[in-house]
Protein backbone atom coordinates (compact mmCIF):
# COMPACT_ATOMS: atom_id res chain seq x y z
CA MET A 1 181.64 100.75 -9.99
CA THR A 2 179.68 101.79 -6.94
CA PRO A 3 178.14 105.25 -6.54
CA ALA A 4 180.85 106.08 -3.96
CA GLN A 5 183.59 104.99 -6.38
CA TYR A 6 182.04 107.13 -9.14
CA ALA A 7 181.90 110.15 -6.84
CA LYS A 8 185.52 109.62 -5.75
CA ALA A 9 186.75 109.15 -9.34
CA ILE A 10 185.19 112.36 -10.61
CA ALA A 11 186.44 114.24 -7.53
CA ASP A 12 189.96 112.82 -8.03
CA LEU A 13 189.82 114.08 -11.61
CA GLY A 14 188.74 117.54 -10.45
CA MET A 15 185.26 117.30 -11.95
CA SER A 16 181.91 118.21 -10.44
CA GLN A 17 178.79 116.16 -11.13
CA VAL A 18 177.89 118.64 -13.87
CA GLY A 19 181.43 118.56 -15.26
CA ALA A 20 181.40 114.76 -15.29
CA ALA A 21 178.07 114.78 -17.11
CA ARG A 22 179.45 117.09 -19.79
CA PHE A 23 182.67 115.07 -20.09
CA LEU A 24 180.81 111.75 -20.39
CA LYS A 25 178.19 113.29 -22.73
CA ILE A 26 175.31 112.34 -20.44
CA GLY A 27 172.59 114.39 -18.80
CA GLU A 28 173.28 116.14 -15.50
CA ARG A 29 170.41 114.22 -13.91
CA THR A 30 171.98 110.94 -15.04
CA SER A 31 175.23 111.85 -13.28
CA ARG A 32 173.26 112.65 -10.12
CA ARG A 33 171.45 109.31 -10.44
CA PHE A 34 174.80 107.51 -10.63
CA ILE A 35 175.87 109.07 -7.33
CA ALA A 36 172.48 108.41 -5.72
CA GLY A 37 172.61 104.78 -6.82
CA GLU A 38 169.41 105.19 -8.86
CA SER A 39 171.08 104.27 -12.17
CA LYS A 40 173.76 101.73 -13.01
CA ILE A 41 177.05 103.24 -14.15
CA PRO A 42 177.89 101.94 -17.64
CA VAL A 43 180.96 99.70 -17.83
CA VAL A 44 182.50 101.96 -20.49
CA ALA A 45 182.25 105.01 -18.21
CA GLU A 46 183.69 102.98 -15.34
CA MET A 47 186.62 101.80 -17.44
CA LEU A 48 187.36 105.30 -18.75
CA LEU A 49 187.28 106.91 -15.31
CA ASN A 50 189.41 104.12 -13.79
CA ILE A 51 192.04 104.45 -16.52
CA MET A 52 192.11 108.24 -16.18
CA VAL A 53 192.55 108.07 -12.39
CA ALA A 54 195.15 105.28 -12.55
CA HIS A 55 197.28 107.10 -15.13
CA GLY A 56 196.69 110.69 -14.00
CA ILE A 57 194.96 111.69 -17.22
CA SER A 58 193.07 114.95 -16.83
CA PRO A 59 189.75 115.54 -18.60
CA GLU A 60 191.47 118.18 -20.74
CA ILE A 61 194.07 115.70 -22.00
CA ALA A 62 191.42 113.01 -22.50
CA ARG A 63 189.47 115.44 -24.73
CA ALA A 64 192.55 116.40 -26.72
CA LYS A 65 192.93 115.33 -30.30
CA TYR A 66 195.92 113.13 -30.99
CA THR A 67 197.91 113.52 -34.19
CA ARG A 68 201.04 111.89 -35.56
CA ASN A 69 203.09 114.87 -34.36
CA GLY A 70 201.79 114.89 -30.79
CA ILE A 71 198.86 116.25 -28.89
CA VAL A 72 196.82 119.14 -30.22
CA ALA A 73 194.31 120.71 -27.83
CA ALA A 74 190.71 120.13 -28.80
CA LYS A 75 189.19 123.29 -30.21
CA PRO A 76 185.62 124.25 -29.37
CA LYS A 77 183.27 124.06 -32.33
CA ALA A 78 182.48 127.42 -33.85
CA LYS A 79 178.86 128.49 -33.74
CA ARG A 80 177.20 128.67 -37.11
CA LYS A 81 175.79 132.01 -38.14
CA ARG A 82 172.27 131.98 -39.45
């Protein structure tokens, strides 16, 4: 995946560079390096983004938890009280 393809894929999915970084669980700087061509985009990230674009899978659906009865939206983790 080229930097231009990465930028197009995240834009097609409605994500910003920061949003893509959070979705892919990488640093914001790493996402910027992908677009600048300073870092190689991992094959796994490339495959995931390509599948999502090809099948119209939004980041929200991709983050969802799947159960036997269907899709249940992923719940944010509760903050622990100290």
